[in-house]
C-alpha cells in the first residue's frame, strides 16, 4: 500500500486552488502544492500528518503497558512502515490514526480507547 512516488512538489506558481476548512466550516480557497509525478494534492491543514516515529513511540508505550512480545512489536512496526503512514501527500492525520488502530488490532487485542489516548 506504500506509495511508489517520491513526491516532487510543483513550483510556487503552479499550485491548485482547493477549498479549505477551519473549525469544520468552509472558509474559501487556498493554493495547495501538488506532486508533479502522481498528481496528489498536499494537505496543508493544521492537522498535518505525523511522522512514523510518533507511532513507533506509541508502540513502545503499549509494550510496557500491555506486555507485548518483541515479535508483535516488530510485526506492527513493519506493517506501519510498509503501509505508507508517513506520506504527506496521501494521508491526513485522521486517516493515519484510523490506519494505525487497524494495524495494531491486527496483531494485538488492545482496547481502542487505550490507543486513542495517545492522540
PDB file of N, CA and C in Angstrom:
ATOM      1  N   UNK A   1       0.810  -1.184   0.000  1.00  0.00           N
ATOM      2  CA  UNK A   1       0.000   0.000   0.000  1.00  0.00           C
ATOM      3  C   UNK A   1       0.859   1.255   0.000  1.00  0.00           C
ATOM      4  N   UNK A   2       2.123   1.103   0.220  1.00  0.00           N
ATOM      5  CA  UNK A   2       3.024   2.243   0.245  1.00  0.00           C
ATOM      6  C   UNK A   2       3.096   2.894  -1.126  1.00  0.00           C
ATOM      7  N   UNK A   3       3.147   4.212  -1.137  1.00  0.00           N
ATOM      8  CA  UNK A   3       3.190   4.959  -2.385  1.00  0.00           C
ATOM      9  C   UNK A   3       4.522   4.735  -3.092  1.00  0.00           C
ATOM     10  N   UNK A   4       4.468   4.505  -4.387  1.00  0.00           N
ATOM     11  CA  UNK A   4       5.675   4.295  -5.176  1.00  0.00           C
ATOM     12  C   UNK A   4       6.311   5.620  -5.585  1.00  0.00           C
ATOM     13  N   UNK A   5       5.640   6.715  -5.324  1.00  0.00           N
ATOM     14  CA  UNK A   5       6.094   8.033  -5.759  1.00  0.00           C
ATOM     15  C   UNK A   5       6.956   8.695  -4.680  1.00  0.00           C
ATOM     16  N   UNK A   6       7.995   9.422  -5.122  1.00  0.00           N
ATOM     17  CA  UNK A   6       8.831  10.178  -4.190  1.00  0.00           C
ATOM     18  C   UNK A   6       8.294  11.583  -3.959  1.00  0.00           C
ATOM     19  N   UNK A   7       7.198  11.947  -4.605  1.00  0.00           N
ATOM     20  CA  UNK A   7       6.505  13.225  -4.478  1.00  0.00           C
ATOM     21  C   UNK A   7       7.417  14.431  -4.741  1.00  0.00           C
ATOM     22  N   UNK A   8       7.435  14.844  -5.974  1.00  0.00           N
ATOM     23  CA  UNK A   8       8.151  16.042  -6.387  1.00  0.00           C
ATOM     24  C   UNK A   8       7.137  17.175  -6.387  1.00  0.00           C
ATOM     25  N   UNK A   9       7.351  18.163  -5.527  1.00  0.00           N
ATOM     26  CA  UNK A   9       6.396  19.258  -5.389  1.00  0.00           C
ATOM     27  C   UNK A   9       6.457  20.189  -6.595  1.00  0.00           C
ATOM     28  N   UNK A  10       5.295  20.715  -6.962  1.00  0.00           N
ATOM     29  CA  UNK A  10       5.226  21.658  -8.083  1.00  0.00           C
ATOM     30  C   UNK A  10       5.835  22.996  -7.660  1.00  0.00           C
ATOM     31  N   UNK A  11       6.036  23.878  -8.585  1.00  0.00           N
ATOM     32  CA  UNK A  11       6.559  25.201  -8.277  1.00  0.00           C
ATOM     33  C   UNK A  11       5.526  26.048  -7.556  1.00  0.00           C
ATOM     34  N   UNK A  12       5.954  27.203  -7.063  1.00  0.00           N
ATOM     35  CA  UNK A  12       5.039  28.060  -6.311  1.00  0.00           C
ATOM     36  C   UNK A  12       3.970  28.695  -7.196  1.00  0.00           C
ATOM     37  N   UNK A  13       4.228  28.822  -8.474  1.00  0.00           N
ATOM     38  CA  UNK A  13       3.250  29.439  -9.374  1.00  0.00           C
ATOM     39  C   UNK A  13       2.244  28.432  -9.919  1.00  0.00           C
ATOM     40  N   UNK A  14       2.504  27.153  -9.746  1.00  0.00           N
ATOM     41  CA  UNK A  14       1.661  26.118 -10.341  1.00  0.00           C
ATOM     42  C   UNK A  14       0.699  25.473  -9.348  1.00  0.00           C
ATOM     43  N   UNK A  15       0.488  26.037  -8.194  1.00  0.00           N
ATOM     44  CA  UNK A  15      -0.373  25.424  -7.187  1.00  0.00           C
ATOM     45  C   UNK A  15      -1.830  25.402  -7.646  1.00  0.00           C
ATOM     46  N   UNK A  16      -2.589  24.440  -7.109  1.00  0.00           N
ATOM     47  CA  UNK A  16      -4.017  24.347  -7.419  1.00  0.00           C
ATOM     48  C   UNK A  16      -4.813  24.955  -6.265  1.00  0.00           C
ATOM     49  N   UNK A  17      -5.924  25.588  -6.601  1.00  0.00           N
ATOM     50  CA  UNK A  17      -6.773  26.217  -5.600  1.00  0.00           C
ATOM     51  C   UNK A  17      -7.802  25.202  -5.116  1.00  0.00           C
ATOM     52  N   UNK A  18      -7.756  24.925  -3.816  1.00  0.00           N
ATOM     53  CA  UNK A  18      -8.614  23.911  -3.212  1.00  0.00           C
ATOM     54  C   UNK A  18      -9.344  24.540  -2.023  1.00  0.00           C
ATOM     55  N   UNK A  19     -10.621  24.181  -1.797  1.00  0.00           N
ATOM     56  CA  UNK A  19     -11.328  24.708  -0.620  1.00  0.00           C
ATOM     57  C   UNK A  19     -10.625  24.279   0.667  1.00  0.00           C
ATOM     58  N   UNK A  20     -10.614  25.177   1.646  1.00  0.00           N
ATOM     59  CA  UNK A  20     -10.049  24.807   2.939  1.00  0.00           C
ATOM     60  C   UNK A  20     -11.095  25.039   4.020  1.00  0.00           C
ATOM     61  N   UNK A  21     -10.937  24.301   5.105  1.00  0.00           N
ATOM     62  CA  UNK A  21     -11.916  24.330   6.182  1.00  0.00           C
ATOM     63  C   UNK A  21     -11.236  24.747   7.473  1.00  0.00           C
ATOM     64  N   UNK A  22     -11.951  25.520   8.271  1.00  0.00           N
ATOM     65  CA  UNK A  22     -11.469  25.927   9.583  1.00  0.00           C
ATOM     66  C   UNK A  22     -12.597  25.677  10.571  1.00  0.00           C
ATOM     67  N   UNK A  23     -12.339  24.923  11.595  1.00  0.00           N
ATOM     68  CA  UNK A  23     -13.320  24.543  12.609  1.00  0.00           C
ATOM     69  C   UNK A  23     -14.572  23.949  11.975  1.00  0.00           C
ATOM     70  N   UNK A  24     -14.379  23.121  10.960  1.00  0.00           N
ATOM     71  CA  UNK A  24     -15.469  22.412  10.326  1.00  0.00           C
ATOM     72  C   UNK A  24     -16.288  23.209   9.324  1.00  0.00           C
ATOM     73  N   UNK A  25     -15.890  24.444   9.052  1.00  0.00           N
ATOM     74  CA  UNK A  25     -16.643  25.273   8.109  1.00  0.00           C
ATOM     75  C   UNK A  25     -15.749  25.691   6.955  1.00  0.00           C
ATOM     76  N   UNK A  26     -16.325  25.704   5.777  1.00  0.00           N
ATOM     77  CA  UNK A  26     -15.557  26.090   4.596  1.00  0.00           C
ATOM     78  C   UNK A  26     -15.244  27.581   4.662  1.00  0.00           C
ATOM     79  N   UNK A  27     -14.000  27.930   4.390  1.00  0.00           N
ATOM     80  CA  UNK A  27     -13.550  29.322   4.517  1.00  0.00           C
ATOM     81  C   UNK A  27     -13.020  29.903   3.220  1.00  0.00           C
ATOM     82  N   UNK A  28     -13.236  29.266   2.115  1.00  0.00           N
ATOM     83  CA  UNK A  28     -12.768  29.799   0.841  1.00  0.00           C
ATOM     84  C   UNK A  28     -11.771  28.875   0.176  1.00  0.00           C
ATOM     85  N   UNK A  29     -10.932  29.473  -0.658  1.00  0.00           N
ATOM     86  CA  UNK A  29      -9.945  28.699  -1.407  1.00  0.00           C
ATOM     87  C   UNK A  29      -8.536  29.086  -0.992  1.00  0.00           C
ATOM     88  N   UNK A  30      -7.632  28.116  -1.054  1.00  0.00           N
ATOM     89  CA  UNK A  30      -6.211  28.344  -0.784  1.00  0.00           C
ATOM     90  C   UNK A  30      -5.404  27.579  -1.813  1.00  0.00           C
ATOM     91  N   UNK A  31      -4.242  28.129  -2.193  1.00  0.00           N
ATOM     92  CA  UNK A  31      -3.385  27.385  -3.121  1.00  0.00           C
ATOM     93  C   UNK A  31      -2.658  26.245  -2.396  1.00  0.00           C
ATOM     94  N   UNK A  32      -2.712  25.056  -2.977  1.00  0.00           N
ATOM     95  CA  UNK A  32      -2.061  23.874  -2.412  1.00  0.00           C
ATOM     96  C   UNK A  32      -1.058  23.327  -3.422  1.00  0.00           C
ATOM     97  N   UNK A  33       0.131  22.935  -2.952  1.00  0.00           N
ATOM     98  CA  UNK A  33       1.079  22.283  -3.866  1.00  0.00           C
ATOM     99  C   UNK A  33       0.609  20.867  -4.188  1.00  0.00           C
ATOM    100  N   UNK A  34       1.058  20.373  -5.309  1.00  0.00           N
ATOM    101  CA  UNK A  34       0.726  19.008  -5.704  1.00  0.00           C
ATOM    102  C   UNK A  34       1.975  18.326  -6.231  1.00  0.00           C
ATOM    103  N   UNK A  35       1.925  17.017  -6.290  1.00  0.00           N
ATOM    104  CA  UNK A  35       3.045  16.222  -6.789  1.00  0.00           C
ATOM    105  C   UNK A  35       2.986  16.198  -8.310  1.00  0.00           C
ATOM    106  N   UNK A  36       4.086  16.560  -8.950  1.00  0.00           N
ATOM    107  CA  UNK A  36       4.116  16.568 -10.415  1.00  0.00           C
ATOM    108  C   UNK A  36       4.216  15.161 -10.991  1.00  0.00           C
ATOM    109  N   UNK A  37       4.573  14.183 -10.164  1.00  0.00           N
ATOM    110  CA  UNK A  37       4.709  12.805 -10.633  1.00  0.00           C
ATOM    111  C   UNK A  37       3.378  12.050 -10.609  1.00  0.00           C
ATOM    112  N   UNK A  38       2.662  12.120  -9.474  1.00  0.00           N
ATOM    113  CA  UNK A  38       1.434  11.322  -9.335  1.00  0.00           C
ATOM    114  C   UNK A  38       0.164  12.163  -9.267  1.00  0.00           C
ATOM    115  N   UNK A  39       0.286  13.473  -9.026  1.00  0.00           N
ATOM    116  CA  UNK A  39      -0.875  14.351  -9.024  1.00  0.00           C
ATOM    117  C   UNK A  39      -1.568  14.529  -7.689  1.00  0.00           C
ATOM    118  N   UNK A  40      -1.079  13.896  -6.612  1.00  0.00           N
ATOM    119  CA  UNK A  40      -1.712  14.056  -5.308  1.00  0.00           C
ATOM    120  C   UNK A  40      -1.517  15.475  -4.795  1.00  0.00           C
ATOM    121  N   UNK A  41      -2.568  16.028  -4.184  1.00  0.00           N
ATOM    122  CA  UNK A  41      -2.514  17.370  -3.614  1.00  0.00           C
ATOM    123  C   UNK A  41      -2.097  17.254  -2.154  1.00  0.00           C
ATOM    124  N   UNK A  42      -1.152  18.104  -1.741  1.00  0.00           N
ATOM    125  CA  UNK A  42      -0.631  18.054  -0.377  1.00  0.00           C
ATOM    126  C   UNK A  42      -1.629  18.676   0.594  1.00  0.00           C
ATOM    127  N   UNK A  43      -1.763  18.053   1.754  1.00  0.00           N
ATOM    128  CA  UNK A  43      -2.646  18.552   2.794  1.00  0.00           C
ATOM    129  C   UNK A  43      -1.936  19.674   3.552  1.00  0.00           C
ATOM    130  N   UNK A  44      -2.556  20.864   3.610  1.00  0.00           N
ATOM    131  CA  UNK A  44      -1.951  21.995   4.308  1.00  0.00           C
ATOM    132  C   UNK A  44      -2.729  22.383   5.559  1.00  0.00           C
ATOM    133  N   UNK A  45      -3.585  21.512   6.045  1.00  0.00           N
ATOM    134  CA  UNK A  45      -4.387  21.837   7.217  1.00  0.00           C
ATOM    135  C   UNK A  45      -3.503  21.899   8.458  1.00  0.00           C
ATOM    136  N   UNK A  46      -4.078  22.405   9.540  1.00  0.00           N
ATOM    137  CA  UNK A  46      -3.319  22.498  10.788  1.00  0.00           C
ATOM    138  C   UNK A  46      -3.059  21.113  11.377  1.00  0.00           C
ATOM    139  N   UNK A  47      -3.852  20.121  10.983  1.00  0.00           N
ATOM    140  CA  UNK A  47      -3.646  18.749  11.444  1.00  0.00           C
ATOM    141  C   UNK A  47      -2.811  17.983  10.430  1.00  0.00           C
ATOM    142  N   UNK A  48      -1.581  18.385  10.290  1.00  0.00           N
ATOM    143  CA  UNK A  48      -0.677  17.728   9.342  1.00  0.00           C
ATOM    144  C   UNK A  48      -0.375  16.309   9.793  1.00  0.00           C
ATOM    145  N   UNK A  49      -0.039  15.462   8.850  1.00  0.00           N
ATOM    146  CA  UNK A  49       0.299  14.078   9.208  1.00  0.00           C
ATOM    147  C   UNK A  49       1.528  14.020  10.111  1.00  0.00           C
ATOM    148  N   UNK A  50       1.530  13.047  10.994  1.00  0.00           N
ATOM    149  CA  UNK A  50       2.672  12.856  11.893  1.00  0.00           C
ATOM    150  C   UNK A  50       3.694  11.933  11.242  1.00  0.00           C
ATOM    151  N   UNK A  51       4.907  12.032  11.697  1.00  0.00           N
ATOM    152  CA  UNK A  51       5.981  11.183  11.201  1.00  0.00           C
ATOM    153  C   UNK A  51       5.839   9.788  11.797  1.00  0.00           C
ATOM    154  N   UNK A  52       6.487   8.837  11.186  1.00  0.00           N
ATOM    155  CA  UNK A  52       6.373   7.433  11.590  1.00  0.00           C
ATOM    156  C   UNK A  52       6.917   7.204  13.002  1.00  0.00           C
ATOM    157  N   UNK A  53       7.877   8.001  13.435  1.00  0.00           N
ATOM    158  CA  UNK A  53       8.441   7.864  14.778  1.00  0.00           C
ATOM    159  C   UNK A  53       7.420   8.078  15.880  1.00  0.00           C
ATOM    160  N   UNK A  54       6.436   8.933  15.633  1.00  0.00           N
ATOM    161  CA  UNK A  54       5.370   9.168  16.602  1.00  0.00           C
ATOM    162  C   UNK A  54       4.632   7.867  16.904  1.00  0.00           C
ATOM    163  N   UNK A  55       4.324   7.116  15.859  1.00  0.00           N
ATOM    164  CA  UNK A  55       3.582   5.868  16.024  1.00  0.00           C
ATOM    165  C   UNK A  55       4.457   4.757  16.608  1.00  0.00           C
ATOM    166  N   UNK A  56       5.736   4.774  16.302  1.00  0.00           N
ATOM    167  CA  UNK A  56       6.661   3.800  16.898  1.00  0.00           C
ATOM    168  C   UNK A  56       6.776   4.052  18.405  1.00  0.00           C
ATOM    169  N   UNK A  57       6.777   5.319  18.815  1.00  0.00           N
ATOM    170  CA  UNK A  57       6.814   5.648  20.243  1.00  0.00           C
ATOM    171  C   UNK A  57       5.555   5.161  20.961  1.00  0.00           C
ATOM    172  N   UNK A  58       4.410   5.234  20.294  1.00  0.00           N
ATOM    173  CA  UNK A  58       3.171   4.723  20.886  1.00  0.00           C
ATOM    174  C   UNK A  58       3.283   3.215  21.103  1.00  0.00           C
ATOM    175  N   UNK A  59       3.839   2.517  20.125  1.00  0.00           N
ATOM    176  CA  UNK A  59       4.008   1.063  20.253  1.00  0.00           C
ATOM    177  C   UNK A  59       4.897   0.740  21.453  1.00  0.00           C
ATOM    178  N   UNK A  60       5.945   1.532  21.649  1.00  0.00           N
ATOM    179  CA  UNK A  60       6.843   1.323  22.783  1.00  0.00           C
ATOM    180  C   UNK A  60       6.098   1.511  24.103  1.00  0.00           C
ATOM    181  N   UNK A  61       5.246   2.522  24.164  1.00  0.00           N
ATOM    182  CA  UNK A  61       4.450   2.743  25.373  1.00  0.00           C
ATOM    183  C   UNK A  61       3.465   1.599  25.604  1.00  0.00           C
ATOM    184  N   UNK A  62       2.886   1.101  24.525  1.00  0.00           N
ATOM    185  CA  UNK A  62       1.949  -0.025  24.639  1.00  0.00           C
ATOM    186  C   UNK A  62       2.660  -1.284  25.126  1.00  0.00           C
ATOM    187  N   UNK A  63       3.914  -1.445  24.713  1.00  0.00           N
ATOM    188  CA  UNK A  63       4.698  -2.623  25.106  1.00  0.00           C
ATOM    189  C   UNK A  63       4.786  -2.723  26.623  1.00  0.00           C
ATOM    190  N   UNK A  64       5.048  -1.614  27.258  1.00  0.00           N
ATOM    191  CA  UNK A  64       5.198  -1.615  28.706  1.00  0.00           C
ATOM    192  C   UNK A  64       3.855  -1.769  29.416  1.00  0.00           C
ATOM    193  N   UNK A  65       2.822  -1.174  28.849  1.00  0.00           N
ATOM    194  CA  UNK A  65       1.515  -1.180  29.499  1.00  0.00           C
ATOM    195  C   UNK A  65       0.764  -2.502  29.324  1.00  0.00           C
ATOM    196  N   UNK A  66       0.882  -3.122  28.142  1.00  0.00           N
ATOM    197  CA  UNK A  66       0.111  -4.326  27.834  1.00  0.00           C
ATOM    198  C   UNK A  66       0.974  -5.582  27.675  1.00  0.00           C
ATOM    199  N   UNK A  67       2.241  -5.509  28.041  1.00  0.00           N
ATOM    200  CA  UNK A  67       3.145  -6.665  27.999  1.00  0.00           C
ATOM    201  C   UNK A  67       3.167  -7.342  26.626  1.00  0.00           C
ATOM    202  N   UNK A  68       3.522  -6.577  25.609  1.00  0.00           N
ATOM    203  CA  UNK A  68       3.584  -7.110  24.249  1.00  0.00           C
ATOM    204  C   UNK A  68       4.912  -7.825  24.016  1.00  0.00           C
ATOM    205  N   UNK A  69       4.877  -8.853  23.204  1.00  0.00           N
ATOM    206  CA  UNK A  69       6.088  -9.594  22.848  1.00  0.00           C
ATOM    207  C   UNK A  69       6.877  -8.817  21.794  1.00  0.00           C
ATOM    208  N   UNK A  70       8.173  -9.071  21.734  1.00  0.00           N
ATOM    209  CA  UNK A  70       9.022  -8.394  20.748  1.00  0.00           C
ATOM    210  C   UNK A  70       8.580  -8.700  19.326  1.00  0.00           C
ATOM    211  N   UNK A  71       8.111  -9.914  19.097  1.00  0.00           N
ATOM    212  CA  UNK A  71       7.646 -10.292  17.754  1.00  0.00           C
ATOM    213  C   UNK A  71       6.426  -9.469  17.350  1.00  0.00           C
ATOM    214  N   UNK A  72       5.511  -9.243  18.294  1.00  0.00           N
ATOM    215  CA  UNK A  72       4.333  -8.425  17.998  1.00  0.00           C
ATOM    216  C   UNK A  72       4.736  -6.994  17.657  1.00  0.00           C
ATOM    217  N   UNK A  73       5.654  -6.454  18.428  1.00  0.00           N
ATOM    218  CA  UNK A  73       6.116  -5.084  18.197  1.00  0.00           C
ATOM    219  C   UNK A  73       6.768  -4.974  16.825  1.00  0.00           C
ATOM    220  N   UNK A  74       7.586  -5.945  16.500  1.00  0.00           N
ATOM    221  CA  UNK A  74       8.277  -5.943  15.203  1.00  0.00           C
ATOM    222  C   UNK A  74       7.279  -6.042  14.051  1.00  0.00           C
ATOM    223  N   UNK A  75       6.286  -6.913  14.171  1.00  0.00           N
ATOM    224  CA  UNK A  75       5.276  -7.048  13.121  1.00  0.00           C
ATOM    225  C   UNK A  75       4.468  -5.764  12.939  1.00  0.00           C
ATOM    226  N   UNK A  76       4.090  -5.135  14.044  1.00  0.00           N
ATOM    227  CA  UNK A  76       3.341  -3.877  13.967  1.00  0.00           C
ATOM    228  C   UNK A  76       4.198  -2.803  13.312  1.00  0.00           C
ATOM    229  N   UNK A  77       5.457  -2.691  13.736  1.00  0.00           N
ATOM    230  CA  UNK A  77       6.354  -1.672  13.178  1.00  0.00           C
ATOM    231  C   UNK A  77       6.572  -1.879  11.681  1.00  0.00           C
ATOM    232  N   UNK A  78       6.765  -3.122  11.258  1.00  0.00           N
ATOM    233  CA  UNK A  78       6.947  -3.405   9.826  1.00  0.00           C
ATOM    234  C   UNK A  78       5.695  -3.073   9.024  1.00  0.00           C
ATOM    235  N   UNK A  79       4.540  -3.415   9.574  1.00  0.00           N
ATOM    236  CA  UNK A  79       3.285  -3.130   8.879  1.00  0.00           C
ATOM    237  C   UNK A  79       3.053  -1.625   8.759  1.00  0.00           C
ATOM    238  N   UNK A  80       3.382  -0.879   9.810  1.00  0.00           N
ATOM    239  CA  UNK A  80       3.236   0.582   9.768  1.00  0.00           C
ATOM    240  C   UNK A  80       4.171   1.166   8.714  1.00  0.00           C
ATOM    241  N   UNK A  81       5.397   0.689   8.695  1.00  0.00           N
ATOM    242  CA  UNK A  81       6.379   1.183   7.727  1.00  0.00           C
ATOM    243  C   UNK A  81       5.948   0.898   6.290  1.00  0.00           C
ATOM    244  N   UNK A  82       5.406  -0.286   6.044  1.00  0.00           N
ATOM    245  CA  UNK A  82       5.003  -0.672   4.690  1.00  0.00           C
ATOM    246  C   UNK A  82       3.674  -0.074   4.254  1.00  0.00           C
ATOM    247  N   UNK A  83       2.893   0.439   5.188  1.00  0.00           N
ATOM    248  CA  UNK A  83       1.565   0.950   4.852  1.00  0.00           C
ATOM    249  C   UNK A  83       1.591   2.365   4.284  1.00  0.00           C
ATOM    250  N   UNK A  84       2.699   3.071   4.418  1.00  0.00           N
ATOM    251  CA  UNK A  84       2.773   4.435   3.899  1.00  0.00           C
ATOM    252  C   UNK A  84       2.140   5.456   4.820  1.00  0.00           C
ATOM    253  N   UNK A  85       2.179   5.207   6.121  1.00  0.00           N
ATOM    254  CA  UNK A  85       1.574   6.109   7.096  1.00  0.00           C
ATOM    255  C   UNK A  85       2.195   7.500   7.043  1.00  0.00           C
ATOM    256  N   UNK A  86       3.461   7.599   6.717  1.00  0.00           N
ATOM    257  CA  UNK A  86       4.157   8.889   6.757  1.00  0.00           C
ATOM    258  C   UNK A  86       4.123   9.641   5.423  1.00  0.00           C
ATOM    259  N   UNK A  87       3.153   9.348   4.572  1.00  0.00           N
ATOM    260  CA  UNK A  87       3.025  10.010   3.275  1.00  0.00           C
ATOM    261  C   UNK A  87       2.294  11.344   3.443  1.00  0.00           C
ATOM    262  N   UNK A  88       3.015  12.467   3.304  1.00  0.00           N
ATOM    263  CA  UNK A  88       2.423  13.798   3.478  1.00  0.00           C
ATOM    264  C   UNK A  88       1.337  14.097   2.453  1.00  0.00           C
ATOM    265  N   UNK A  89       1.488  13.565   1.279  1.00  0.00           N
ATOM    266  CA  UNK A  89       0.544  13.869   0.212  1.00  0.00           C
ATOM    267  C   UNK A  89      -0.691  12.972   0.258  1.00  0.00           C
ATOM    268  N   UNK A  90      -0.528  11.731   0.631  1.00  0.00           N
ATOM    269  CA  UNK A  90      -1.616  10.772   0.531  1.00  0.00           C
ATOM    270  C   UNK A  90      -2.439  10.572   1.789  1.00  0.00           C
ATOM    271  N   UNK A  91      -2.009  11.101   2.929  1.00  0.00           N
ATOM    272  CA  UNK A  91      -2.700  10.851   4.197  1.00  0.00           C
ATOM    273  C   UNK A  91      -2.854  12.134   4.992  1.00  0.00           C
ATOM    274  N   UNK A  92      -3.983  12.235   5.705  1.00  0.00           N
ATOM    275  CA  UNK A  92      -4.095  13.278   6.713  1.00  0.00           C
ATOM    276  C   UNK A  92      -4.029  12.598   8.085  1.00  0.00           C
ATOM    277  N   UNK A  93      -4.051  13.386   9.149  1.00  0.00           N
ATOM    278  CA  UNK A  93      -3.837  12.824  10.482  1.00  0.00           C
ATOM    279  C   UNK A  93      -4.940  11.832  10.872  1.00  0.00           C
ATOM    280  N   UNK A  94      -6.181  12.145  10.545  1.00  0.00           N
ATOM    281  CA  UNK A  94      -7.287  11.249  10.895  1.00  0.00           C
ATOM    282  C   UNK A  94      -7.126   9.894  10.198  1.00  0.00           C
ATOM    283  N   UNK A  95      -6.760   9.915   8.927  1.00  0.00           N
ATOM    284  CA  UNK A  95      -6.544   8.665   8.195  1.00  0.00           C
ATOM    285  C   UNK A  95      -5.393   7.870   8.811  1.00  0.00           C
ATOM    286  N   UNK A  96      -4.344   8.577   9.241  1.00  0.00           N
ATOM    287  CA  UNK A  96      -3.213   7.910   9.889  1.00  0.00           C
ATOM    288  C   UNK A  96      -3.651   7.205  11.169  1.00  0.00           C
ATOM    289  N   UNK A  97      -4.430   7.913  11.986  1.00  0.00           N
ATOM    290  CA  UNK A  97      -4.867   7.344  13.252  1.00  0.00           C
ATOM    291  C   UNK A  97      -5.720   6.097  13.036  1.00  0.00           C
ATOM    292  N   UNK A  98      -6.648   6.167  12.080  1.00  0.00           N
ATOM    293  CA  UNK A  98      -7.511   5.014  11.807  1.00  0.00           C
ATOM    294  C   UNK A  98      -6.695   3.829  11.283  1.00  0.00           C
ATOM    295  N   UNK A  99      -5.737   4.096  10.412  1.00  0.00           N
ATOM    296  CA  UNK A  99      -4.886   3.031   9.883  1.00  0.00           C
ATOM    297  C   UNK A  99      -4.024   2.421  10.984  1.00  0.00           C
ATOM    298  N   UNK A 100      -3.486   3.262  11.863  1.00  0.00           N
ATOM    299  CA  UNK A 100      -2.671   2.780  12.982  1.00  0.00           C
ATOM    300  C   UNK A 100      -3.485   1.855  13.883  1.00  0.00           C
ATOM    301  N   UNK A 101      -4.696   2.261  14.222  1.00  0.00           N
ATOM    302  CA  UNK A 101      -5.560   1.439  15.077  1.00  0.00           C
ATOM    303  C   UNK A 101      -5.863   0.104  14.405  1.00  0.00           C
ATOM    304  N   UNK A 102      -6.134   0.148  13.112  1.00  0.00           N
ATOM    305  CA  UNK A 102      -6.427  -1.077  12.362  1.00  0.00           C
ATOM    306  C   UNK A 102      -5.222  -2.026  12.374  1.00  0.00           C
ATOM    307  N   UNK A 103      -4.025  -1.479  12.178  1.00  0.00           N
ATOM    308  CA  UNK A 103      -2.808  -2.302  12.159  1.00  0.00           C
ATOM    309  C   UNK A 103      -2.549  -2.919  13.528  1.00  0.00           C
ATOM    310  N   UNK A 104      -2.677  -2.128  14.588  1.00  0.00           N
ATOM    311  CA  UNK A 104      -2.425  -2.650  15.936  1.00  0.00           C
ATOM    312  C   UNK A 104      -3.436  -3.740  16.280  1.00  0.00           C
ATOM    313  N   UNK A 105      -4.704  -3.527  15.925  1.00  0.00           N
ATOM    314  CA  UNK A 105      -5.731  -4.542  16.218  1.00  0.00           C
ATOM    315  C   UNK A 105      -5.506  -5.839  15.450  1.00  0.00           C
ATOM    316  N   UNK A 106      -4.785  -5.763  14.348  1.00  0.00           N
ATOM    317  CA  UNK A 106      -4.496  -6.974  13.580  1.00  0.00           C
ATOM    318  C   UNK A 106      -3.579  -7.922  14.364  1.00  0.00           C
ATOM    319  N   UNK A 107      -2.699  -7.374  15.198  1.00  0.00           N
ATOM    320  CA  UNK A 107      -1.706  -8.187  15.898  1.00  0.00           C
ATOM    321  C   UNK A 107      -1.936  -8.300  17.407  1.00  0.00           C
ATOM    322  N   UNK A 108      -2.645  -7.333  17.991  1.00  0.00           N
ATOM    323  CA  UNK A 108      -2.777  -7.277  19.446  1.00  0.00           C
ATOM    324  C   UNK A 108      -4.229  -6.958  19.812  1.00  0.00           C
ATOM    325  N   UNK A 109      -4.699  -7.559  20.881  1.00  0.00           N
ATOM    326  CA  UNK A 109      -6.040  -7.267  21.374  1.00  0.00           C
ATOM    327  C   UNK A 109      -5.947  -6.155  22.423  1.00  0.00           C
ATOM    328  N   UNK A 110      -5.878  -4.909  21.952  1.00  0.00           N
ATOM    329  CA  UNK A 110      -5.782  -3.738  22.812  1.00  0.00           C
ATOM    330  C   UNK A 110      -7.051  -2.922  22.606  1.00  0.00           C
ATOM    331  N   UNK A 111      -7.684  -2.439  23.688  1.00  0.00           N
ATOM    332  CA  UNK A 111      -8.891  -1.635  23.504  1.00  0.00           C
ATOM    333  C   UNK A 111      -8.599  -0.350  22.721  1.00  0.00           C
ATOM    334  N   UNK A 112      -9.593   0.088  21.965  1.00  0.00           N
ATOM    335  CA  UNK A 112      -9.403   1.275  21.129  1.00  0.00           C
ATOM    336  C   UNK A 112      -9.137   2.519  21.967  1.00  0.00           C
ATOM    337  N   UNK A 113      -9.762   2.634  23.137  1.00  0.00           N
ATOM    338  CA  UNK A 113      -9.543   3.803  23.984  1.00  0.00           C
ATOM    339  C   UNK A 113      -8.087   3.897  24.430  1.00  0.00           C
ATOM    340  N   UNK A 114      -7.445   2.745  24.601  1.00  0.00           N
ATOM    341  CA  UNK A 114      -6.040   2.734  25.019  1.00  0.00           C
ATOM    342  C   UNK A 114      -5.140   3.290  23.924  1.00  0.00           C
ATOM    343  N   UNK A 115      -5.541   3.122  22.673  1.00  0.00           N
ATOM    344  CA  UNK A 115      -4.766   3.673  21.560  1.00  0.00           C
ATOM    345  C   UNK A 115      -5.086   5.144  21.351  1.00  0.00           C
ATOM    346  N   UNK A 116      -6.362   5.504  21.467  1.00  0.00           N
ATOM    347  CA  UNK A 116      -6.786   6.886  21.210  1.00  0.00           C
ATOM    348  C   UNK A 116      -6.259   7.870  22.250  1.00  0.00           C
ATOM    349  N   UNK A 117      -5.918   7.399  23.436  1.00  0.00           N
ATOM    350  CA  UNK A 117      -5.420   8.323  24.468  1.00  0.00           C
ATOM    351  C   UNK A 117      -4.064   8.929  24.091  1.00  0.00           C
ATOM    352  N   UNK A 118      -3.359   8.307  23.148  1.00  0.00           N
ATOM    353  CA  UNK A 118      -2.062   8.829  22.716  1.00  0.00           C
ATOM    354  C   UNK A 118      -2.199   9.940  21.678  1.00  0.00           C
ATOM    355  N   UNK A 119      -3.370  10.054  21.062  1.00  0.00           N
ATOM    356  CA  UNK A 119      -3.555  11.072  20.029  1.00  0.00           C
ATOM    357  C   UNK A 119      -4.022  12.327  20.692  1.00  0.00           C
TER     358      UNK A 119
END
